[in-house]
Amino acid sequence: MAARDLSGRTLGAFVLHERVDEVGPLAVYRGKQRLLKRDLIVKVLHRQCDDDARELFLREARLCIGSA
């Protein structure tokens, strides 16, 4: 499922530099958190994903921030 490339776009506090991979319903970007000036990886869920993919994405996000 090829989604449009968001390279160069800003999503909230994050600037997406380049798409490095596309895995199932996710696009993976190399980016930067502007305020803290740190490099990071940003995963973006495609709009046309099913409920299972959305729940998995949210579960992983919760684990990353420690509120699972």
Protein backbone atom coordinates (compact mmCIF):
# COMPACT_ATOMS: atom_id res chain seq x y z
CA MET A 1 0.00 0.00 0.00
CA ALA A 2 2.07 2.93 -1.21
CA ALA A 3 1.05 6.07 0.62
CA ARG A 4 2.02 9.56 -0.37
CA ASP A 5 5.49 10.54 0.73
CA LEU A 6 5.46 12.94 3.70
CA SER A 7 9.20 13.73 3.52
CA GLY A 8 9.84 17.37 4.35
CA ARG A 9 6.50 17.77 6.13
CA THR A 10 5.99 18.78 9.76
CA LEU A 11 3.70 16.72 11.98
CA GLY A 12 3.22 18.52 15.28
CA ALA A 13 6.64 18.78 16.92
CA PHE A 14 8.30 16.48 14.37
CA VAL A 15 9.91 17.21 11.02
CA LEU A 16 9.99 14.21 8.68
CA HIS A 17 13.22 14.13 6.68
CA GLU A 18 13.01 11.01 4.54
CA ARG A 19 10.95 7.85 4.26
CA VAL A 20 13.21 4.93 5.07
CA ASP A 21 10.74 2.06 4.88
CA GLU A 22 7.15 1.07 4.42
CA VAL A 23 6.00 -1.90 6.48
CA GLY A 24 2.42 -3.03 6.02
CA PRO A 25 0.16 -0.17 7.09
CA LEU A 26 3.10 1.93 8.36
CA ALA A 27 5.47 4.38 6.73
CA VAL A 28 8.72 4.84 8.66
CA TYR A 29 10.55 8.16 8.48
CA ARG A 30 13.83 9.53 9.73
CA GLY A 31 13.05 12.81 11.44
CA LYS A 32 13.83 15.36 14.11
CA GLN A 33 12.00 16.62 17.17
CA ARG A 34 12.48 20.36 16.76
CA LEU A 35 12.14 21.52 20.35
CA LEU A 36 14.58 18.99 21.81
CA LYS A 37 16.76 18.93 18.69
CA ARG A 38 16.99 15.15 18.66
CA ASP A 39 16.96 12.73 15.76
CA LEU A 40 14.37 10.01 15.81
CA ILE A 41 12.29 7.57 13.82
CA VAL A 42 8.63 8.42 13.25
CA LYS A 43 6.06 5.80 12.27
CA VAL A 44 2.98 7.05 10.43
CA LEU A 45 -0.09 4.84 10.14
CA HIS A 46 -1.78 4.87 6.72
CA ARG A 47 -5.31 6.19 6.74
CA GLN A 48 -6.66 3.11 4.96
CA CYS A 49 -5.72 0.57 7.61
CA ASP A 50 -7.93 -1.95 9.34
CA ASP A 51 -8.92 -1.91 13.02
CA ASP A 52 -6.36 -4.59 13.95
CA ALA A 53 -3.48 -2.58 12.48
CA ARG A 54 -4.71 0.57 14.22
CA GLU A 55 -4.91 -1.22 17.59
CA LEU A 56 -1.42 -2.70 17.18
CA PHE A 57 -0.04 0.75 16.32
CA LEU A 58 -1.68 2.31 19.39
CA ARG A 59 -0.52 -0.52 21.67
CA GLU A 60 3.07 -0.06 20.51
CA ALA A 61 2.80 3.71 21.04
CA ARG A 62 1.50 3.21 24.57
CA LEU A 63 4.37 0.83 25.34
CA CYS A 64 6.89 3.41 24.11
CA ILE A 65 5.57 6.06 26.47
CA GLY A 66 5.11 3.67 29.38
CA SER A 67 1.35 3.77 29.76
CA ALA A 68 0.38 0.32 28.51
